[in-house]
Amino acid sequence: MTDETFLRRLRALIGRECSYLGKHCRVIEVLAEQGTLVLELREALPPIQTDQYGQAVARSAELVEVPLFAGTGDELSEELLDLLATLRTATPSGDGR
């Protein structure tokens, strides 16, 4: 499989629900140049973001970056393999389920 084919298949996962380290997540982006898959944690109540003065301004979901490749870059990372194993069969979010 070529790199472009692999990236296209990963990008097809955007919007899919999954589990990462026991937490409910959604795939939101593939950053090819950085070699990461970005997940949005789907917790019941997102953490509060503060401004530069420490004042609460908004709630925003926490993002997690999962490495695509192991340290050598020759094989997929264990984190990615675990995540792919947990992908749910549900349809992508936002499709009016």
Foldseek 3Di string as FASTA:
>chain_A
DDPVVVVVVLVVQAQFWFAAPNFIWGFHDQDVVVQWTKIWTDDPFADFDADPVRHTDGGDTDMDIDHQPPPVRPHGDPRVVVGVVGTDPDDGPPPPD
